[in-house]
Amino acid sequence: MDDCVFCKIIKGEIPSKTIYEDEIVKVFMDINPDDNGHMLIVPKKHIADFTELDDETALHINKIVKELKDKVYDRLNPDGIRFVNNYGVYQLVKHYHLHLIPCYEPKQPIVDVDIIYDKLK
């Protein structure tokens, strides 16, 4: 999709703070995080939403999530992680993406994304 912001990030037309990338997915920091370490796991192929997600890509995303969980716990020491997928009116970008959101008790103030990115890269 020519006007898809995530497709533009994947192509390098819009810069991102990339945490992980392979031939199937790109993982980058959310520029408006809900919590410190909030990142997005995005398939490189334009897939509108979870109803179009093929099994191979879904399994690959699940594998990457497990690997990222270890990195997040090791470097950010959260108390938990939320995985969020929005659909319909709640999906602001119509390109499938999974939010990985570390959570902290008590809730921490949001710090500059660059500080968290430096810990995770």
N, C-alpha and C. Protein backbone atom coordinates (compact mmCIF):
# COMPACT_ATOMS: atom_id res chain seq x y z
N MET A 1 0.85 -1.19 0.00
CA MET A 1 0.00 0.00 0.00
C MET A 1 0.88 1.25 0.00
N ASP A 2 0.63 2.11 -0.94
CA ASP A 2 1.47 3.30 -1.10
C ASP A 2 1.35 4.29 0.05
N ASP A 3 0.16 4.37 0.67
CA ASP A 3 -0.05 5.36 1.70
C ASP A 3 0.07 4.78 3.12
N CYS A 4 0.46 3.53 3.25
CA CYS A 4 0.55 2.87 4.56
C CYS A 4 1.84 3.30 5.28
N VAL A 5 1.69 3.88 6.46
CA VAL A 5 2.84 4.36 7.22
C VAL A 5 3.79 3.21 7.58
N PHE A 6 3.25 2.04 7.90
CA PHE A 6 4.12 0.91 8.25
C PHE A 6 4.87 0.40 7.02
N CYS A 7 4.24 0.38 5.86
CA CYS A 7 4.94 -0.01 4.64
C CYS A 7 6.09 0.96 4.35
N LYS A 8 5.86 2.24 4.61
CA LYS A 8 6.91 3.24 4.40
C LYS A 8 8.05 3.03 5.39
N ILE A 9 7.74 2.67 6.64
CA ILE A 9 8.79 2.37 7.63
C ILE A 9 9.57 1.14 7.20
N ILE A 10 8.88 0.10 6.75
CA ILE A 10 9.54 -1.13 6.30
C ILE A 10 10.47 -0.86 5.12
N LYS A 11 10.05 0.01 4.20
CA LYS A 11 10.87 0.35 3.02
C LYS A 11 12.01 1.32 3.36
N GLY A 12 12.00 1.88 4.58
CA GLY A 12 13.03 2.84 4.97
C GLY A 12 12.72 4.26 4.55
N GLU A 13 11.51 4.49 4.06
CA GLU A 13 11.12 5.85 3.67
C GLU A 13 10.84 6.73 4.88
N ILE A 14 10.49 6.12 5.98
CA ILE A 14 10.29 6.81 7.26
C ILE A 14 11.24 6.13 8.25
N PRO A 15 12.06 6.92 8.96
CA PRO A 15 12.99 6.29 9.90
C PRO A 15 12.27 5.64 11.09
N SER A 16 12.90 4.62 11.63
CA SER A 16 12.36 3.96 12.82
C SER A 16 13.50 3.50 13.71
N LYS A 17 13.17 3.25 14.94
CA LYS A 17 14.14 2.71 15.89
C LYS A 17 13.91 1.20 15.91
N THR A 18 14.63 0.52 15.00
CA THR A 18 14.43 -0.90 14.77
C THR A 18 15.13 -1.73 15.84
N ILE A 19 14.38 -2.64 16.44
CA ILE A 19 14.89 -3.55 17.46
C ILE A 19 15.29 -4.88 16.84
N TYR A 20 14.53 -5.31 15.83
CA TYR A 20 14.77 -6.60 15.19
C TYR A 20 14.21 -6.53 13.78
N GLU A 21 14.88 -7.25 12.86
CA GLU A 21 14.36 -7.32 11.49
C GLU A 21 14.86 -8.59 10.84
N ASP A 22 13.97 -9.23 10.08
CA ASP A 22 14.35 -10.37 9.25
C ASP A 22 13.54 -10.27 7.96
N GLU A 23 13.48 -11.35 7.18
CA GLU A 23 12.80 -11.28 5.90
C GLU A 23 11.27 -11.22 6.04
N ILE A 24 10.73 -11.54 7.23
CA ILE A 24 9.28 -11.60 7.41
C ILE A 24 8.73 -10.43 8.21
N VAL A 25 9.46 -9.99 9.23
CA VAL A 25 8.95 -8.94 10.12
C VAL A 25 9.98 -7.85 10.38
N LYS A 26 9.45 -6.74 10.84
CA LYS A 26 10.28 -5.64 11.36
C LYS A 26 9.68 -5.28 12.71
N VAL A 27 10.55 -5.11 13.71
CA VAL A 27 10.11 -4.73 15.06
C VAL A 27 10.76 -3.38 15.36
N PHE A 28 9.92 -2.42 15.74
CA PHE A 28 10.46 -1.09 16.03
C PHE A 28 9.71 -0.46 17.20
N MET A 29 10.35 0.53 17.79
CA MET A 29 9.79 1.23 18.94
C MET A 29 8.56 2.03 18.52
N ASP A 30 7.55 2.01 19.37
CA ASP A 30 6.37 2.86 19.17
C ASP A 30 6.77 4.29 19.51
N ILE A 31 6.46 5.23 18.63
CA ILE A 31 6.86 6.62 18.88
C ILE A 31 5.97 7.32 19.91
N ASN A 32 4.86 6.68 20.25
CA ASN A 32 3.96 7.22 21.27
C ASN A 32 3.65 6.10 22.27
N PRO A 33 4.65 5.71 23.07
CA PRO A 33 4.51 4.50 23.89
C PRO A 33 3.51 4.62 25.04
N ASP A 34 2.83 3.50 25.30
CA ASP A 34 1.97 3.40 26.47
C ASP A 34 2.79 3.16 27.73
N ASP A 35 3.93 2.48 27.58
CA ASP A 35 4.87 2.22 28.67
C ASP A 35 6.27 2.15 28.06
N ASN A 36 7.29 2.24 28.90
CA ASN A 36 8.67 2.20 28.43
C ASN A 36 8.97 0.82 27.83
N GLY A 37 9.44 0.84 26.58
CA GLY A 37 9.75 -0.40 25.88
C GLY A 37 8.67 -0.84 24.91
N HIS A 38 7.61 -0.05 24.76
CA HIS A 38 6.50 -0.37 23.86
C HIS A 38 7.04 -0.46 22.43
N MET A 39 6.84 -1.62 21.81
CA MET A 39 7.30 -1.81 20.44
C MET A 39 6.22 -2.46 19.60
N LEU A 40 6.39 -2.41 18.29
CA LEU A 40 5.44 -2.97 17.34
C LEU A 40 6.12 -4.05 16.52
N ILE A 41 5.43 -5.18 16.37
CA ILE A 41 5.91 -6.27 15.54
C ILE A 41 5.04 -6.25 14.29
N VAL A 42 5.66 -5.99 13.14
CA VAL A 42 4.92 -5.73 11.91
C VAL A 42 5.42 -6.64 10.79
N PRO A 43 4.52 -7.41 10.16
CA PRO A 43 4.95 -8.19 8.99
C PRO A 43 5.34 -7.26 7.85
N LYS A 44 6.36 -7.64 7.10
CA LYS A 44 6.80 -6.80 5.98
C LYS A 44 5.79 -6.81 4.84
N LYS A 45 5.11 -7.93 4.67
CA LYS A 45 4.05 -8.00 3.67
C LYS A 45 2.85 -7.24 4.20
N HIS A 46 2.23 -6.42 3.35
CA HIS A 46 1.07 -5.66 3.82
C HIS A 46 -0.10 -6.62 4.04
N ILE A 47 -0.49 -6.73 5.29
CA ILE A 47 -1.63 -7.54 5.71
C ILE A 47 -2.53 -6.59 6.49
N ALA A 48 -3.75 -6.42 6.04
CA ALA A 48 -4.61 -5.38 6.61
C ALA A 48 -4.91 -5.59 8.10
N ASP A 49 -5.26 -6.82 8.49
CA ASP A 49 -5.59 -7.08 9.89
C ASP A 49 -5.46 -8.57 10.18
N PHE A 50 -5.74 -8.97 11.41
CA PHE A 50 -5.50 -10.35 11.82
C PHE A 50 -6.32 -11.36 11.02
N THR A 51 -7.42 -10.94 10.42
CA THR A 51 -8.24 -11.88 9.65
C THR A 51 -7.54 -12.29 8.36
N GLU A 52 -6.57 -11.51 7.89
CA GLU A 52 -5.81 -11.81 6.68
C GLU A 52 -4.46 -12.45 6.98
N LEU A 53 -4.12 -12.59 8.26
CA LEU A 53 -2.81 -13.10 8.66
C LEU A 53 -2.72 -14.60 8.38
N ASP A 54 -1.74 -15.00 7.58
CA ASP A 54 -1.56 -16.42 7.27
C ASP A 54 -0.86 -17.12 8.44
N ASP A 55 -1.03 -18.43 8.51
CA ASP A 55 -0.51 -19.22 9.62
C ASP A 55 1.01 -19.14 9.73
N GLU A 56 1.71 -19.17 8.61
CA GLU A 56 3.18 -19.13 8.64
C GLU A 56 3.68 -17.83 9.27
N THR A 57 3.10 -16.71 8.87
CA THR A 57 3.50 -15.42 9.43
C THR A 57 3.13 -15.33 10.91
N ALA A 58 1.95 -15.82 11.26
CA ALA A 58 1.51 -15.80 12.66
C ALA A 58 2.46 -16.62 13.53
N LEU A 59 2.88 -17.79 13.07
CA LEU A 59 3.82 -18.62 13.83
C LEU A 59 5.17 -17.92 13.97
N HIS A 60 5.61 -17.26 12.90
CA HIS A 60 6.89 -16.55 12.95
C HIS A 60 6.81 -15.39 13.95
N ILE A 61 5.72 -14.65 13.93
CA ILE A 61 5.55 -13.55 14.88
C ILE A 61 5.58 -14.09 16.31
N ASN A 62 4.93 -15.21 16.55
CA ASN A 62 4.93 -15.81 17.88
C ASN A 62 6.35 -16.19 18.32
N LYS A 63 7.14 -16.72 17.41
CA LYS A 63 8.54 -17.07 17.70
C LYS A 63 9.34 -15.81 18.08
N ILE A 64 9.17 -14.75 17.32
CA ILE A 64 9.90 -13.50 17.58
C ILE A 64 9.46 -12.90 18.91
N VAL A 65 8.16 -12.97 19.22
CA VAL A 65 7.64 -12.46 20.50
C VAL A 65 8.35 -13.14 21.67
N LYS A 66 8.52 -14.45 21.59
CA LYS A 66 9.19 -15.19 22.67
C LYS A 66 10.64 -14.75 22.83
N GLU A 67 11.32 -14.52 21.70
CA GLU A 67 12.71 -14.05 21.76
C GLU A 67 12.78 -12.63 22.33
N LEU A 68 11.88 -11.77 21.92
CA LEU A 68 11.87 -10.39 22.42
C LEU A 68 11.54 -10.33 23.90
N LYS A 69 10.68 -11.23 24.35
CA LYS A 69 10.32 -11.27 25.78
C LYS A 69 11.57 -11.42 26.63
N ASP A 70 12.46 -12.31 26.24
CA ASP A 70 13.69 -12.51 27.00
C ASP A 70 14.55 -11.25 27.02
N LYS A 71 14.67 -10.59 25.88
CA LYS A 71 15.47 -9.36 25.80
C LYS A 71 14.85 -8.26 26.67
N VAL A 72 13.53 -8.11 26.60
CA VAL A 72 12.83 -7.08 27.37
C VAL A 72 13.01 -7.31 28.86
N TYR A 73 12.82 -8.55 29.31
CA TYR A 73 12.98 -8.85 30.74
C TYR A 73 14.41 -8.63 31.19
N ASP A 74 15.37 -9.02 30.36
CA ASP A 74 16.78 -8.89 30.71
C ASP A 74 17.21 -7.43 30.81
N ARG A 75 16.74 -6.60 29.90
CA ARG A 75 17.25 -5.23 29.81
C ARG A 75 16.37 -4.16 30.44
N LEU A 76 15.07 -4.43 30.58
CA LEU A 76 14.16 -3.42 31.13
C LEU A 76 13.55 -3.82 32.46
N ASN A 77 13.60 -5.09 32.80
CA ASN A 77 13.09 -5.60 34.08
C ASN A 77 11.63 -5.19 34.36
N PRO A 78 10.72 -5.49 33.43
CA PRO A 78 9.31 -5.17 33.69
C PRO A 78 8.69 -6.19 34.64
N ASP A 79 7.51 -5.87 35.12
CA ASP A 79 6.76 -6.80 35.96
C ASP A 79 5.85 -7.70 35.13
N GLY A 80 5.65 -7.37 33.88
CA GLY A 80 4.82 -8.16 32.97
C GLY A 80 4.87 -7.54 31.59
N ILE A 81 4.21 -8.22 30.65
CA ILE A 81 4.14 -7.72 29.27
C ILE A 81 2.72 -7.92 28.78
N ARG A 82 2.20 -6.91 28.09
CA ARG A 82 0.90 -7.04 27.42
C ARG A 82 1.17 -7.16 25.92
N PHE A 83 0.38 -8.02 25.28
CA PHE A 83 0.40 -8.14 23.83
C PHE A 83 -0.97 -7.68 23.35
N VAL A 84 -1.00 -6.68 22.47
CA VAL A 84 -2.27 -6.07 22.06
C VAL A 84 -2.35 -6.05 20.54
N ASN A 85 -3.49 -6.49 20.04
CA ASN A 85 -3.80 -6.37 18.62
C ASN A 85 -5.17 -5.71 18.51
N ASN A 86 -5.22 -4.57 17.88
CA ASN A 86 -6.48 -3.85 17.71
C ASN A 86 -7.11 -4.20 16.38
N TYR A 87 -8.44 -4.08 16.33
CA TYR A 87 -9.19 -4.43 15.13
C TYR A 87 -10.36 -3.45 14.96
N GLY A 88 -10.74 -3.24 13.71
CA GLY A 88 -11.86 -2.34 13.44
C GLY A 88 -11.50 -0.90 13.72
N VAL A 89 -12.41 -0.17 14.35
CA VAL A 89 -12.18 1.26 14.60
C VAL A 89 -11.00 1.49 15.55
N TYR A 90 -10.61 0.48 16.32
CA TYR A 90 -9.49 0.63 17.26
C TYR A 90 -8.14 0.42 16.59
N GLN A 91 -8.14 -0.08 15.36
CA GLN A 91 -6.89 -0.28 14.62
C GLN A 91 -6.62 0.98 13.81
N LEU A 92 -5.75 1.84 14.32
CA LEU A 92 -5.51 3.12 13.68
C LEU A 92 -4.73 2.99 12.38
N VAL A 93 -3.76 2.08 12.33
CA VAL A 93 -3.00 1.82 11.10
C VAL A 93 -3.51 0.49 10.55
N LYS A 94 -4.03 0.52 9.33
CA LYS A 94 -4.64 -0.68 8.74
C LYS A 94 -3.58 -1.58 8.09
N HIS A 95 -2.59 -1.93 8.89
CA HIS A 95 -1.54 -2.90 8.54
C HIS A 95 -1.35 -3.70 9.82
N TYR A 96 -1.56 -5.01 9.75
CA TYR A 96 -1.50 -5.83 10.97
C TYR A 96 -0.23 -5.50 11.76
N HIS A 97 -0.38 -5.36 13.06
CA HIS A 97 0.76 -5.18 13.95
C HIS A 97 0.37 -5.64 15.35
N LEU A 98 1.35 -6.16 16.03
CA LEU A 98 1.16 -6.62 17.40
C LEU A 98 1.97 -5.71 18.30
N HIS A 99 1.30 -5.13 19.28
CA HIS A 99 1.98 -4.30 20.28
C HIS A 99 2.57 -5.20 21.34
N LEU A 100 3.84 -5.02 21.66
CA LEU A 100 4.48 -5.65 22.81
C LEU A 100 4.73 -4.51 23.79
N ILE A 101 4.05 -4.57 24.94
CA ILE A 101 4.08 -3.45 25.88
C ILE A 101 4.53 -3.94 27.26
N PRO A 102 5.78 -3.66 27.63
CA PRO A 102 6.20 -3.99 28.99
C PRO A 102 5.38 -3.18 30.00
N CYS A 103 5.11 -3.79 31.15
CA CYS A 103 4.31 -3.13 32.19
C CYS A 103 5.09 -3.14 33.50
N TYR A 104 4.90 -2.10 34.26
CA TYR A 104 5.66 -1.91 35.50
C TYR A 104 4.72 -1.59 36.66
N GLU A 105 5.02 -2.16 37.81
CA GLU A 105 4.28 -1.87 39.05
C GLU A 105 5.27 -1.31 40.06
N PRO A 106 5.12 -0.11 40.54
CA PRO A 106 4.09 0.84 40.09
C PRO A 106 4.42 1.37 38.70
N LYS A 107 3.43 1.98 38.06
CA LYS A 107 3.62 2.52 36.72
C LYS A 107 4.75 3.53 36.72
N GLN A 108 5.62 3.44 35.73
CA GLN A 108 6.76 4.34 35.60
C GLN A 108 6.40 5.53 34.72
N PRO A 109 7.04 6.66 34.95
CA PRO A 109 6.87 7.75 33.99
C PRO A 109 7.50 7.36 32.66
N ILE A 110 6.92 7.81 31.57
CA ILE A 110 7.46 7.52 30.24
C ILE A 110 8.72 8.36 30.05
N VAL A 111 9.81 7.68 29.66
CA VAL A 111 11.06 8.38 29.39
C VAL A 111 11.26 8.46 27.88
N ASP A 112 12.23 9.23 27.45
CA ASP A 112 12.52 9.41 26.03
C ASP A 112 12.74 8.05 25.37
N VAL A 113 12.13 7.84 24.21
CA VAL A 113 12.23 6.58 23.48
C VAL A 113 13.69 6.23 23.20
N ASP A 114 14.54 7.23 22.96
CA ASP A 114 15.97 6.96 22.68
C ASP A 114 16.65 6.25 23.85
N ILE A 115 16.30 6.60 25.07
CA ILE A 115 16.90 5.98 26.25
C ILE A 115 16.55 4.49 26.28
N ILE A 116 15.29 4.15 26.03
CA ILE A 116 14.86 2.75 26.04
C ILE A 116 15.46 2.03 24.83
N TYR A 117 15.47 2.67 23.69
CA TYR A 117 16.05 2.06 22.48
C TYR A 117 17.51 1.69 22.71
N ASP A 118 18.28 2.58 23.35
CA ASP A 118 19.68 2.29 23.62
C ASP A 118 19.85 1.06 24.51
N LYS A 119 18.90 0.82 25.40
CA LYS A 119 18.95 -0.36 26.28
C LYS A 119 18.61 -1.64 25.52
N LEU A 120 17.76 -1.53 24.49
CA LEU A 120 17.26 -2.71 23.80
C LEU A 120 18.03 -3.09 22.54
N LYS A 121 18.69 -2.14 21.92
CA LYS A 121 19.34 -2.45 20.62
C LYS A 121 20.56 -3.32 20.79
